[in-house]
């Protein structure tokens, strides 16, 4: 149960229209983390499709499609995890003395960094896989591969920003380096995809 009623349906069981309505509703969650997870999941699904259509063009296409499909299935759960973690932060903020960042709020913020970190890493992985297909996959679906790269990279960037927010005040937290590495991987993949698009013109 949430404070406002029964728990909402998992993202995996939510239609696109329902997800848009839930995100637009004037409640704290689902929010940015769920949107980032949905972006990564959609990019992974698109990457899987490109891989399935690239068997004759790329030796690793089947493996990339399988890995992408697994990440597509995982992404909605990460979005649900993020929503739950954010609601825990909201509950901690309502605790007396929250303005002074009590241990409870600090712990909730630290825990809330985990789902977007996982989303960012998944986004970087999807972007990297899709970039390989943009270069070596089926030219007929190169545009889809590039789209997968750019959408996954956007999801990575968005989730990484949430990690930065949650870890504000903790510059030495090792997760900052982890999310920075994910950002670098996704940006490199986006550059590779753009180069592949330019080379094909």
N, C-alpha and C. Protein backbone atom coordinates (compact mmCIF):
# COMPACT_ATOMS: atom_id res chain seq x y z
N UNK A 1 0.83 -1.21 0.00
CA UNK A 1 0.00 0.00 0.00
C UNK A 1 0.87 1.26 0.00
N UNK A 2 0.43 2.26 -0.73
CA UNK A 2 1.05 3.58 -0.64
C UNK A 2 0.20 4.45 0.25
N UNK A 3 0.71 5.67 0.50
CA UNK A 3 -0.06 6.58 1.37
C UNK A 3 -1.39 6.95 0.75
N UNK A 4 -1.48 6.84 -0.59
CA UNK A 4 -2.70 7.28 -1.25
C UNK A 4 -3.62 6.13 -1.67
N UNK A 5 -3.22 4.88 -1.36
CA UNK A 5 -4.07 3.76 -1.72
C UNK A 5 -3.27 2.55 -2.12
N UNK A 6 -3.87 1.62 -2.87
CA UNK A 6 -3.19 0.39 -3.25
C UNK A 6 -1.96 0.68 -4.10
N UNK A 7 -0.99 -0.24 -4.03
CA UNK A 7 0.20 -0.10 -4.86
C UNK A 7 -0.20 -0.12 -6.32
N UNK A 8 0.39 0.76 -7.15
CA UNK A 8 0.09 0.76 -8.58
C UNK A 8 0.65 -0.48 -9.25
N UNK A 9 0.16 -0.77 -10.44
CA UNK A 9 0.65 -1.92 -11.19
C UNK A 9 2.12 -1.73 -11.51
N UNK A 10 2.89 -2.83 -11.54
CA UNK A 10 4.29 -2.71 -11.94
C UNK A 10 4.40 -2.11 -13.34
N UNK A 11 5.51 -1.45 -13.61
CA UNK A 11 5.69 -0.82 -14.92
C UNK A 11 5.61 -1.83 -16.04
N UNK A 12 6.07 -3.05 -15.78
CA UNK A 12 6.04 -4.08 -16.82
C UNK A 12 4.62 -4.43 -17.25
N UNK A 13 3.65 -4.14 -16.39
CA UNK A 13 2.26 -4.45 -16.69
C UNK A 13 1.46 -3.20 -17.07
N UNK A 14 2.16 -2.11 -17.33
CA UNK A 14 1.54 -0.83 -17.63
C UNK A 14 1.66 -0.51 -19.12
N UNK A 15 0.57 -0.11 -19.75
CA UNK A 15 0.65 0.28 -21.15
C UNK A 15 1.36 1.62 -21.27
N UNK A 16 1.77 1.94 -22.48
CA UNK A 16 2.43 3.23 -22.71
C UNK A 16 1.51 4.38 -22.30
N UNK A 17 0.26 4.29 -22.69
CA UNK A 17 -0.68 5.34 -22.33
C UNK A 17 -0.85 5.48 -20.83
N UNK A 18 -0.93 4.35 -20.15
CA UNK A 18 -1.06 4.38 -18.69
C UNK A 18 0.19 4.97 -18.04
N UNK A 19 1.35 4.62 -18.57
CA UNK A 19 2.59 5.16 -18.01
C UNK A 19 2.64 6.68 -18.17
N UNK A 20 2.25 7.16 -19.35
CA UNK A 20 2.24 8.61 -19.56
C UNK A 20 1.30 9.30 -18.58
N UNK A 21 0.14 8.70 -18.36
CA UNK A 21 -0.82 9.29 -17.42
C UNK A 21 -0.29 9.26 -16.00
N UNK A 22 0.36 8.17 -15.62
CA UNK A 22 0.88 8.06 -14.25
C UNK A 22 2.01 9.06 -14.02
N UNK A 23 2.88 9.21 -15.02
CA UNK A 23 3.98 10.17 -14.86
C UNK A 23 3.45 11.59 -14.79
N UNK A 24 2.40 11.89 -15.56
CA UNK A 24 1.85 13.25 -15.58
C UNK A 24 1.02 13.57 -14.35
N UNK A 25 0.65 12.55 -13.56
CA UNK A 25 -0.19 12.79 -12.39
C UNK A 25 0.57 13.59 -11.33
N UNK A 26 -0.14 14.40 -10.54
CA UNK A 26 0.52 15.25 -9.54
C UNK A 26 0.90 14.50 -8.28
N UNK A 27 1.70 13.44 -8.45
CA UNK A 27 2.23 12.66 -7.33
C UNK A 27 3.73 12.49 -7.56
N UNK A 28 4.50 12.23 -6.49
CA UNK A 28 5.96 12.20 -6.64
C UNK A 28 6.51 11.07 -7.51
N UNK A 29 5.82 9.95 -7.56
CA UNK A 29 6.35 8.81 -8.31
C UNK A 29 5.21 8.06 -8.99
N UNK A 30 5.48 7.50 -10.18
CA UNK A 30 6.76 7.42 -10.87
C UNK A 30 7.17 8.77 -11.43
N UNK A 31 8.49 8.97 -11.47
CA UNK A 31 9.01 10.24 -11.96
C UNK A 31 10.20 10.03 -12.86
N UNK A 32 11.24 10.81 -12.62
CA UNK A 32 12.39 10.81 -13.51
C UNK A 32 13.06 9.45 -13.63
N UNK A 33 13.17 8.72 -12.55
CA UNK A 33 13.82 7.41 -12.61
C UNK A 33 13.04 6.44 -13.46
N UNK A 34 11.72 6.44 -13.32
CA UNK A 34 10.90 5.55 -14.13
C UNK A 34 10.98 5.92 -15.60
N UNK A 35 11.01 7.22 -15.88
CA UNK A 35 11.13 7.67 -17.28
C UNK A 35 12.47 7.23 -17.85
N UNK A 36 13.54 7.39 -17.10
CA UNK A 36 14.86 6.96 -17.56
C UNK A 36 14.87 5.46 -17.79
N UNK A 37 14.27 4.70 -16.88
CA UNK A 37 14.22 3.24 -17.04
C UNK A 37 13.42 2.85 -18.27
N UNK A 38 12.31 3.55 -18.50
CA UNK A 38 11.50 3.25 -19.68
C UNK A 38 12.28 3.54 -20.96
N UNK A 39 13.03 4.63 -20.95
CA UNK A 39 13.85 4.96 -22.12
C UNK A 39 14.88 3.88 -22.39
N UNK A 40 15.54 3.44 -21.34
CA UNK A 40 16.55 2.39 -21.50
C UNK A 40 15.89 1.08 -21.96
N UNK A 41 14.73 0.77 -21.39
CA UNK A 41 14.03 -0.45 -21.79
C UNK A 41 13.61 -0.43 -23.24
N UNK A 42 13.09 0.69 -23.69
CA UNK A 42 12.69 0.82 -25.09
C UNK A 42 13.91 0.74 -26.01
N UNK A 43 14.99 1.39 -25.62
CA UNK A 43 16.21 1.34 -26.42
C UNK A 43 16.73 -0.09 -26.50
N UNK A 44 16.66 -0.82 -25.39
CA UNK A 44 17.12 -2.21 -25.39
C UNK A 44 16.25 -3.07 -26.29
N UNK A 45 14.95 -2.85 -26.26
CA UNK A 45 14.05 -3.61 -27.13
C UNK A 45 14.36 -3.33 -28.60
N UNK A 46 14.63 -2.07 -28.92
CA UNK A 46 14.96 -1.70 -30.29
C UNK A 46 16.30 -2.32 -30.69
N UNK A 47 17.25 -2.34 -29.77
CA UNK A 47 18.54 -2.97 -30.03
C UNK A 47 18.37 -4.45 -30.30
N UNK A 48 17.49 -5.11 -29.54
CA UNK A 48 17.23 -6.54 -29.75
C UNK A 48 16.65 -6.77 -31.15
N UNK A 49 15.74 -5.91 -31.56
CA UNK A 49 15.16 -6.04 -32.89
C UNK A 49 16.23 -5.91 -33.97
N UNK A 50 17.10 -4.90 -33.83
CA UNK A 50 18.16 -4.70 -34.81
C UNK A 50 19.09 -5.91 -34.84
N UNK A 51 19.41 -6.43 -33.66
CA UNK A 51 20.27 -7.61 -33.61
C UNK A 51 19.65 -8.80 -34.31
N UNK A 52 18.36 -9.00 -34.09
CA UNK A 52 17.67 -10.14 -34.73
C UNK A 52 17.66 -10.00 -36.25
N UNK A 53 17.71 -8.78 -36.74
CA UNK A 53 17.68 -8.54 -38.18
C UNK A 53 19.08 -8.39 -38.79
N UNK A 54 20.10 -8.65 -37.98
CA UNK A 54 21.47 -8.41 -38.44
C UNK A 54 22.34 -9.67 -38.44
N UNK A 55 21.71 -10.84 -38.34
CA UNK A 55 22.50 -12.08 -38.25
C UNK A 55 23.43 -12.27 -39.45
N UNK A 56 23.00 -11.83 -40.61
CA UNK A 56 23.82 -12.01 -41.80
C UNK A 56 24.92 -10.96 -41.94
N UNK A 57 24.86 -9.95 -41.12
CA UNK A 57 25.79 -8.84 -41.26
C UNK A 57 26.82 -8.76 -40.13
N UNK A 58 26.49 -9.32 -38.98
CA UNK A 58 27.32 -9.15 -37.79
C UNK A 58 27.36 -10.46 -37.01
N UNK A 59 28.58 -10.99 -36.79
CA UNK A 59 28.73 -12.27 -36.10
C UNK A 59 28.19 -12.26 -34.68
N UNK A 60 28.25 -11.11 -34.02
CA UNK A 60 27.80 -11.04 -32.63
C UNK A 60 26.35 -10.58 -32.50
N UNK A 61 25.65 -10.50 -33.61
CA UNK A 61 24.29 -9.96 -33.58
C UNK A 61 23.37 -10.75 -32.66
N UNK A 62 23.44 -12.07 -32.73
CA UNK A 62 22.55 -12.89 -31.91
C UNK A 62 22.82 -12.68 -30.43
N UNK A 63 24.09 -12.63 -30.05
CA UNK A 63 24.44 -12.43 -28.65
C UNK A 63 24.02 -11.04 -28.18
N UNK A 64 24.20 -10.04 -29.04
CA UNK A 64 23.78 -8.69 -28.68
C UNK A 64 22.27 -8.61 -28.52
N UNK A 65 21.53 -9.27 -29.40
CA UNK A 65 20.07 -9.26 -29.31
C UNK A 65 19.61 -9.92 -28.02
N UNK A 66 20.24 -11.03 -27.66
CA UNK A 66 19.85 -11.73 -26.43
C UNK A 66 20.13 -10.87 -25.20
N UNK A 67 21.31 -10.26 -25.16
CA UNK A 67 21.65 -9.42 -24.02
C UNK A 67 20.74 -8.20 -23.93
N UNK A 68 20.43 -7.62 -25.08
CA UNK A 68 19.55 -6.45 -25.10
C UNK A 68 18.15 -6.82 -24.63
N UNK A 69 17.68 -7.97 -25.06
CA UNK A 69 16.34 -8.40 -24.65
C UNK A 69 16.27 -8.60 -23.13
N UNK A 70 17.33 -9.14 -22.55
CA UNK A 70 17.36 -9.31 -21.10
C UNK A 70 17.31 -7.97 -20.38
N UNK A 71 18.03 -6.98 -20.89
CA UNK A 71 17.99 -5.65 -20.26
C UNK A 71 16.64 -4.98 -20.45
N UNK A 72 15.99 -5.25 -21.57
CA UNK A 72 14.66 -4.70 -21.79
C UNK A 72 13.67 -5.25 -20.77
N UNK A 73 13.81 -6.52 -20.45
CA UNK A 73 12.93 -7.12 -19.43
C UNK A 73 13.23 -6.59 -18.04
N UNK A 74 14.49 -6.26 -17.78
CA UNK A 74 14.90 -5.81 -16.45
C UNK A 74 14.53 -4.35 -16.19
N UNK A 75 14.50 -3.54 -17.22
CA UNK A 75 14.32 -2.10 -17.06
C UNK A 75 13.06 -1.70 -16.28
N UNK A 76 11.90 -2.30 -16.55
CA UNK A 76 10.72 -1.89 -15.77
C UNK A 76 10.88 -2.13 -14.27
N UNK A 77 11.55 -3.22 -13.90
CA UNK A 77 11.77 -3.48 -12.47
C UNK A 77 12.65 -2.40 -11.85
N UNK A 78 13.64 -1.93 -12.61
CA UNK A 78 14.49 -0.85 -12.10
C UNK A 78 13.67 0.43 -11.91
N UNK A 79 12.74 0.68 -12.81
CA UNK A 79 11.86 1.84 -12.66
C UNK A 79 11.00 1.73 -11.41
N UNK A 80 10.48 0.53 -11.15
CA UNK A 80 9.70 0.31 -9.93
C UNK A 80 10.56 0.49 -8.69
N UNK A 81 11.80 -0.03 -8.74
CA UNK A 81 12.72 0.14 -7.60
C UNK A 81 12.97 1.61 -7.32
N UNK A 82 13.14 2.38 -8.39
CA UNK A 82 13.40 3.81 -8.22
C UNK A 82 12.21 4.51 -7.57
N UNK A 83 11.00 4.17 -8.01
CA UNK A 83 9.81 4.80 -7.43
C UNK A 83 9.70 4.50 -5.94
N UNK A 84 9.94 3.25 -5.57
CA UNK A 84 9.87 2.88 -4.15
C UNK A 84 10.94 3.61 -3.33
N UNK A 85 12.15 3.70 -3.89
CA UNK A 85 13.24 4.36 -3.17
C UNK A 85 12.94 5.85 -2.99
N UNK A 86 12.35 6.45 -4.03
CA UNK A 86 12.05 7.88 -3.93
C UNK A 86 10.95 8.13 -2.90
N UNK A 87 9.96 7.26 -2.86
CA UNK A 87 8.91 7.41 -1.85
C UNK A 87 9.47 7.27 -0.45
N UNK A 88 10.49 6.42 -0.27
CA UNK A 88 11.14 6.29 1.04
C UNK A 88 11.86 7.59 1.41
N UNK A 89 12.45 8.24 0.42
CA UNK A 89 13.09 9.55 0.68
C UNK A 89 12.04 10.56 1.09
N UNK A 90 10.91 10.58 0.40
CA UNK A 90 9.85 11.52 0.75
C UNK A 90 9.36 11.29 2.17
N UNK A 91 9.24 10.01 2.56
CA UNK A 91 8.81 9.70 3.92
C UNK A 91 9.85 10.17 4.94
N UNK A 92 11.12 10.00 4.60
CA UNK A 92 12.18 10.44 5.52
C UNK A 92 12.20 11.95 5.65
N UNK A 93 11.89 12.66 4.55
CA UNK A 93 11.88 14.12 4.61
C UNK A 93 10.77 14.64 5.52
N UNK A 94 9.70 13.86 5.65
CA UNK A 94 8.59 14.27 6.52
C UNK A 94 8.89 14.00 7.99
N UNK A 95 9.99 13.29 8.25
CA UNK A 95 10.35 12.97 9.63
C UNK A 95 10.76 14.23 10.37
N UNK A 96 10.38 14.38 11.64
CA UNK A 96 10.79 15.57 12.40
C UNK A 96 12.32 15.73 12.38
N UNK A 97 12.76 16.92 12.09
CA UNK A 97 14.20 17.19 12.07
C UNK A 97 14.85 16.87 10.74
N UNK A 98 14.07 16.59 9.72
CA UNK A 98 14.65 16.19 8.44
C UNK A 98 15.50 17.30 7.82
N UNK A 99 15.20 18.54 8.15
CA UNK A 99 15.97 19.65 7.56
C UNK A 99 17.44 19.58 7.92
N UNK A 100 17.76 18.95 9.03
CA UNK A 100 19.16 18.83 9.44
C UNK A 100 19.80 17.56 8.91
N UNK A 101 19.15 16.89 7.98
CA UNK A 101 19.64 15.65 7.37
C UNK A 101 19.96 14.61 8.44
N UNK A 102 18.95 14.09 9.10
CA UNK A 102 19.20 13.05 10.09
C UNK A 102 19.67 11.78 9.42
N UNK A 103 20.12 10.84 10.23
CA UNK A 103 20.64 9.58 9.69
C UNK A 103 19.62 8.89 8.80
N UNK A 104 18.35 8.97 9.17
CA UNK A 104 17.32 8.29 8.39
C UNK A 104 17.21 8.84 6.98
N UNK A 105 17.24 10.14 6.84
CA UNK A 105 17.16 10.76 5.52
C UNK A 105 18.43 10.49 4.72
N UNK A 106 19.57 10.57 5.38
CA UNK A 106 20.83 10.32 4.69
C UNK A 106 20.86 8.89 4.15
N UNK A 107 20.39 7.95 4.97
CA UNK A 107 20.36 6.56 4.53
C UNK A 107 19.38 6.36 3.38
N UNK A 108 18.24 7.06 3.45
CA UNK A 108 17.25 6.93 2.38
C UNK A 108 17.79 7.49 1.07
N UNK A 109 18.50 8.61 1.14
CA UNK A 109 19.09 9.18 -0.07
C UNK A 109 20.17 8.27 -0.65
N UNK A 110 20.96 7.68 0.23
CA UNK A 110 22.00 6.76 -0.24
C UNK A 110 21.37 5.56 -0.92
N UNK A 111 20.31 5.02 -0.32
CA UNK A 111 19.63 3.87 -0.93
C UNK A 111 18.96 4.27 -2.24
N UNK A 112 18.47 5.50 -2.30
CA UNK A 112 17.78 5.97 -3.51
C UNK A 112 18.73 6.11 -4.69
N UNK A 113 20.03 6.19 -4.43
CA UNK A 113 21.00 6.29 -5.53
C UNK A 113 21.19 4.98 -6.26
N UNK A 114 20.83 3.87 -5.62
CA UNK A 114 21.09 2.56 -6.23
C UNK A 114 20.28 2.29 -7.50
N UNK A 115 18.95 2.50 -7.50
CA UNK A 115 18.21 2.22 -8.74
C UNK A 115 18.65 3.08 -9.93
N UNK A 116 18.80 4.40 -9.79
CA UNK A 116 19.26 5.15 -10.96
C UNK A 116 20.67 4.80 -11.38
N UNK A 117 21.51 4.38 -10.44
CA UNK A 117 22.84 3.92 -10.81
C UNK A 117 22.74 2.69 -11.71
N UNK A 118 21.88 1.76 -11.32
CA UNK A 118 21.68 0.56 -12.14
C UNK A 118 21.10 0.92 -13.51
N UNK A 119 20.19 1.90 -13.53
CA UNK A 119 19.61 2.35 -14.80
C UNK A 119 20.67 2.98 -15.68
N UNK A 120 21.52 3.80 -15.09
CA UNK A 120 22.59 4.45 -15.86
C UNK A 120 23.54 3.42 -16.45
N UNK A 121 23.91 2.43 -15.66
CA UNK A 121 24.81 1.40 -16.16
C UNK A 121 24.15 0.58 -17.26
N UNK A 122 22.87 0.27 -17.08
CA UNK A 122 22.15 -0.46 -18.12
C UNK A 122 22.06 0.37 -19.40
N UNK A 123 21.80 1.66 -19.24
CA UNK A 123 21.73 2.53 -20.42
C UNK A 123 23.04 2.59 -21.17
N UNK A 124 24.15 2.66 -20.43
CA UNK A 124 25.46 2.67 -21.08
C UNK A 124 25.73 1.37 -21.81
N UNK A 125 25.31 0.26 -21.21
CA UNK A 125 25.51 -1.04 -21.85
C UNK A 125 24.68 -1.16 -23.12
N UNK A 126 23.44 -0.74 -23.06
CA UNK A 126 22.58 -0.78 -24.25
C UNK A 126 23.14 0.12 -25.34
N UNK A 127 23.55 1.31 -24.97
CA UNK A 127 24.10 2.24 -25.96
C UNK A 127 25.33 1.65 -26.64
N UNK A 128 26.17 1.00 -25.86
CA UNK A 128 27.39 0.39 -26.41
C UNK A 128 27.05 -0.75 -27.37
N UNK A 129 26.10 -1.58 -26.98
CA UNK A 129 25.71 -2.70 -27.84
C UNK A 129 25.06 -2.20 -29.12
N UNK A 130 24.19 -1.23 -29.00
CA UNK A 130 23.51 -0.71 -30.18
C UNK A 130 24.49 0.00 -31.11
N UNK A 131 25.53 0.62 -30.54
CA UNK A 131 26.53 1.27 -31.38
C UNK A 131 27.27 0.25 -32.23
N UNK A 132 27.52 -0.93 -31.67
CA UNK A 132 28.17 -1.97 -32.47
C UNK A 132 27.29 -2.35 -33.67
N UNK A 133 26.01 -2.42 -33.43
CA UNK A 133 25.10 -2.76 -34.51
C UNK A 133 24.94 -1.61 -35.50
N UNK A 134 25.05 -0.39 -35.02
CA UNK A 134 25.00 0.75 -35.94
C UNK A 134 26.16 0.71 -36.93
N UNK A 135 27.29 0.19 -36.47
CA UNK A 135 28.48 0.11 -37.32
C UNK A 135 28.46 -1.14 -38.20
N UNK A 136 28.14 -2.29 -37.60
CA UNK A 136 28.31 -3.56 -38.31
C UNK A 136 27.02 -4.30 -38.61
N UNK A 137 25.89 -3.77 -38.19
CA UNK A 137 24.63 -4.46 -38.37
C UNK A 137 24.01 -4.23 -39.74
N UNK A 138 22.77 -4.64 -39.85
CA UNK A 138 22.01 -4.52 -41.09
C UNK A 138 21.82 -3.05 -41.46
N UNK A 139 22.33 -2.62 -42.62
CA UNK A 139 22.19 -1.20 -43.00
C UNK A 139 20.73 -0.75 -43.10
N UNK A 140 19.83 -1.70 -43.38
CA UNK A 140 18.43 -1.34 -43.54
C UNK A 140 17.81 -0.84 -42.23
N UNK A 141 18.41 -1.23 -41.11
CA UNK A 141 17.87 -0.80 -39.82
C UNK A 141 18.92 -0.01 -39.03
N UNK A 142 19.85 0.60 -39.75
CA UNK A 142 20.87 1.41 -39.08
C UNK A 142 20.23 2.57 -38.32
N UNK A 143 19.22 3.17 -38.89
CA UNK A 143 18.54 4.26 -38.20
C UNK A 143 17.95 3.82 -36.87
N UNK A 144 17.45 2.59 -36.82
CA UNK A 144 16.91 2.06 -35.56
C UNK A 144 18.02 1.83 -34.55
N UNK A 145 19.17 1.35 -35.04
CA UNK A 145 20.31 1.14 -34.14
C UNK A 145 20.77 2.47 -33.56
N UNK A 146 20.87 3.49 -34.41
CA UNK A 146 21.29 4.81 -33.93
C UNK A 146 20.26 5.36 -32.94
N UNK A 147 18.99 5.17 -33.23
CA UNK A 147 17.95 5.62 -32.29
C UNK A 147 18.11 4.93 -30.95
N UNK A 148 18.38 3.63 -30.98
CA UNK A 148 18.58 2.88 -29.73
C UNK A 148 19.75 3.44 -28.94
N UNK A 149 20.83 3.75 -29.64
CA UNK A 149 22.00 4.33 -28.96
C UNK A 149 21.64 5.64 -28.28
N UNK A 150 21.02 6.54 -29.03
CA UNK A 150 20.77 7.88 -28.51
C UNK A 150 19.73 7.88 -27.39
N UNK A 151 18.72 7.03 -27.51
CA UNK A 151 17.71 6.95 -26.44
C UNK A 151 18.32 6.33 -25.18
N UNK A 152 19.11 5.27 -25.36
CA UNK A 152 19.77 4.65 -24.20
C UNK A 152 20.73 5.63 -23.54
N UNK A 153 21.46 6.39 -24.35
CA UNK A 153 22.39 7.37 -23.79
C UNK A 153 21.64 8.46 -23.02
N UNK A 154 20.49 8.87 -23.54
CA UNK A 154 19.68 9.87 -22.83
C UNK A 154 19.19 9.31 -21.49
N UNK A 155 18.76 8.05 -21.49
CA UNK A 155 18.34 7.43 -20.25
C UNK A 155 19.48 7.34 -19.25
N UNK A 156 20.67 7.03 -19.75
CA UNK A 156 21.86 6.98 -18.90
C UNK A 156 22.13 8.34 -18.28
N UNK A 157 22.13 9.37 -19.10
CA UNK A 157 22.41 10.72 -18.61
C UNK A 157 21.39 11.16 -17.56
N UNK A 158 20.12 10.87 -17.82
CA UNK A 158 19.07 11.27 -16.88
C UNK A 158 19.23 10.55 -15.54
N UNK A 159 19.47 9.25 -15.61
CA UNK A 159 19.64 8.47 -14.38
C UNK A 159 20.89 8.90 -13.62
N UNK A 160 21.96 9.21 -14.37
CA UNK A 160 23.19 9.66 -13.72
C UNK A 160 22.97 10.97 -12.98
N UNK A 161 22.16 11.85 -13.55
CA UNK A 161 21.85 13.11 -12.87
C UNK A 161 21.14 12.86 -11.54
N UNK A 162 20.26 11.86 -11.52
CA UNK A 162 19.56 11.52 -10.28
C UNK A 162 20.52 10.97 -9.23
N UNK A 163 21.50 10.18 -9.68
CA UNK A 163 22.51 9.69 -8.75
C UNK A 163 23.27 10.87 -8.13
N UNK A 164 23.65 11.83 -8.97
CA UNK A 164 24.36 13.01 -8.47
C UNK A 164 23.54 13.75 -7.41
N UNK A 165 22.25 13.85 -7.65
CA UNK A 165 21.37 14.54 -6.69
C UNK A 165 21.32 13.77 -5.37
N UNK A 166 21.15 12.45 -5.47
CA UNK A 166 21.02 11.63 -4.26
C UNK A 166 22.31 11.61 -3.44
N UNK A 167 23.45 11.72 -4.13
CA UNK A 167 24.74 11.65 -3.43
C UNK A 167 25.33 13.03 -3.17
N UNK A 168 24.54 14.07 -3.33
CA UNK A 168 25.01 15.42 -3.04
C UNK A 168 25.49 15.49 -1.60
N UNK A 169 26.67 16.06 -1.40
CA UNK A 169 27.23 16.10 -0.05
C UNK A 169 28.12 14.92 0.27
N UNK A 170 28.25 14.00 -0.67
CA UNK A 170 29.11 12.82 -0.47
C UNK A 170 30.07 12.69 -1.67
N UNK A 171 30.98 13.63 -1.81
CA UNK A 171 31.87 13.63 -2.98
C UNK A 171 32.77 12.42 -3.08
N UNK A 172 33.04 11.76 -1.95
CA UNK A 172 33.95 10.61 -1.96
C UNK A 172 33.23 9.27 -2.18
N UNK A 173 31.93 9.31 -2.32
CA UNK A 173 31.19 8.05 -2.52
C UNK A 173 31.67 7.39 -3.81
N UNK A 174 32.09 6.13 -3.76
CA UNK A 174 32.63 5.46 -4.96
C UNK A 174 31.62 5.32 -6.09
N UNK A 175 30.35 5.43 -5.77
CA UNK A 175 29.34 5.32 -6.82
C UNK A 175 29.40 6.51 -7.78
N UNK A 176 29.98 7.62 -7.34
CA UNK A 176 30.15 8.75 -8.24
C UNK A 176 31.08 8.38 -9.40
N UNK A 177 32.15 7.65 -9.10
CA UNK A 177 33.07 7.22 -10.15
C UNK A 177 32.39 6.21 -11.07
N UNK A 178 31.56 5.35 -10.50
CA UNK A 178 30.86 4.34 -11.30
C UNK A 178 29.91 4.99 -12.29
N UNK A 179 29.16 5.98 -11.81
CA UNK A 179 28.20 6.62 -12.71
C UNK A 179 28.92 7.50 -13.72
N UNK A 180 30.06 8.07 -13.35
CA UNK A 180 30.83 8.85 -14.31
C UNK A 180 31.34 7.96 -15.44
N UNK A 181 31.74 6.74 -15.09
CA UNK A 181 32.20 5.80 -16.12
C UNK A 181 31.06 5.41 -17.05
N UNK A 182 29.87 5.25 -16.50
CA UNK A 182 28.70 4.94 -17.33
C UNK A 182 28.42 6.08 -18.30
N UNK A 183 28.50 7.30 -17.80
CA UNK A 183 28.30 8.47 -18.67
C UNK A 183 29.31 8.46 -19.82
N UNK A 184 30.56 8.20 -19.51
CA UNK A 184 31.60 8.20 -20.54
C UNK A 184 31.32 7.13 -21.59
N UNK A 185 30.90 5.95 -21.15
CA UNK A 185 30.61 4.88 -22.10
C UNK A 185 29.45 5.24 -23.01
N UNK A 186 28.40 5.82 -22.44
CA UNK A 186 27.23 6.15 -23.25
C UNK A 186 27.55 7.27 -24.23
N UNK A 187 28.35 8.24 -23.80
CA UNK A 187 28.72 9.33 -24.70
C UNK A 187 29.62 8.84 -25.84
N UNK A 188 30.52 7.92 -25.51
CA UNK A 188 31.37 7.34 -26.56
C UNK A 188 30.52 6.57 -27.57
N UNK A 189 29.52 5.84 -27.07
CA UNK A 189 28.64 5.09 -27.97
C UNK A 189 27.85 6.02 -28.87
N UNK A 190 27.37 7.12 -28.29
CA UNK A 190 26.62 8.09 -29.10
C UNK A 190 27.50 8.68 -30.19
N UNK A 191 28.76 8.96 -29.86
CA UNK A 191 29.67 9.46 -30.87
C UNK A 191 29.92 8.45 -31.98
N UNK A 192 30.07 7.19 -31.60
CA UNK A 192 30.26 6.13 -32.59
C UNK A 192 29.04 6.02 -33.51
N UNK A 193 27.85 6.09 -32.93
CA UNK A 193 26.63 5.98 -33.73
C UNK A 193 26.51 7.14 -34.71
N UNK A 194 26.82 8.33 -34.26
CA UNK A 194 26.74 9.49 -35.17
C UNK A 194 27.75 9.36 -36.30
N UNK A 195 28.94 8.85 -35.99
CA UNK A 195 29.95 8.64 -37.02
C UNK A 195 29.48 7.60 -38.04
N UNK A 196 28.84 6.54 -37.55
CA UNK A 196 28.33 5.50 -38.45
C UNK A 196 27.26 6.07 -39.36
N UNK A 197 26.44 6.95 -38.83
CA UNK A 197 25.39 7.57 -39.64
C UNK A 197 26.00 8.48 -40.70
N UNK A 198 27.00 9.25 -40.31
CA UNK A 198 27.65 10.13 -41.28
C UNK A 198 28.36 9.34 -42.36
N UNK A 199 29.02 8.23 -41.98
CA UNK A 199 29.76 7.43 -42.94
C UNK A 199 28.85 6.78 -43.96
N UNK A 200 27.59 6.56 -43.57
CA UNK A 200 26.65 5.88 -44.47
C UNK A 200 26.02 6.84 -45.47
N UNK A 201 26.23 8.13 -45.33
CA UNK A 201 25.60 9.12 -46.20
C UNK A 201 26.37 9.25 -47.52
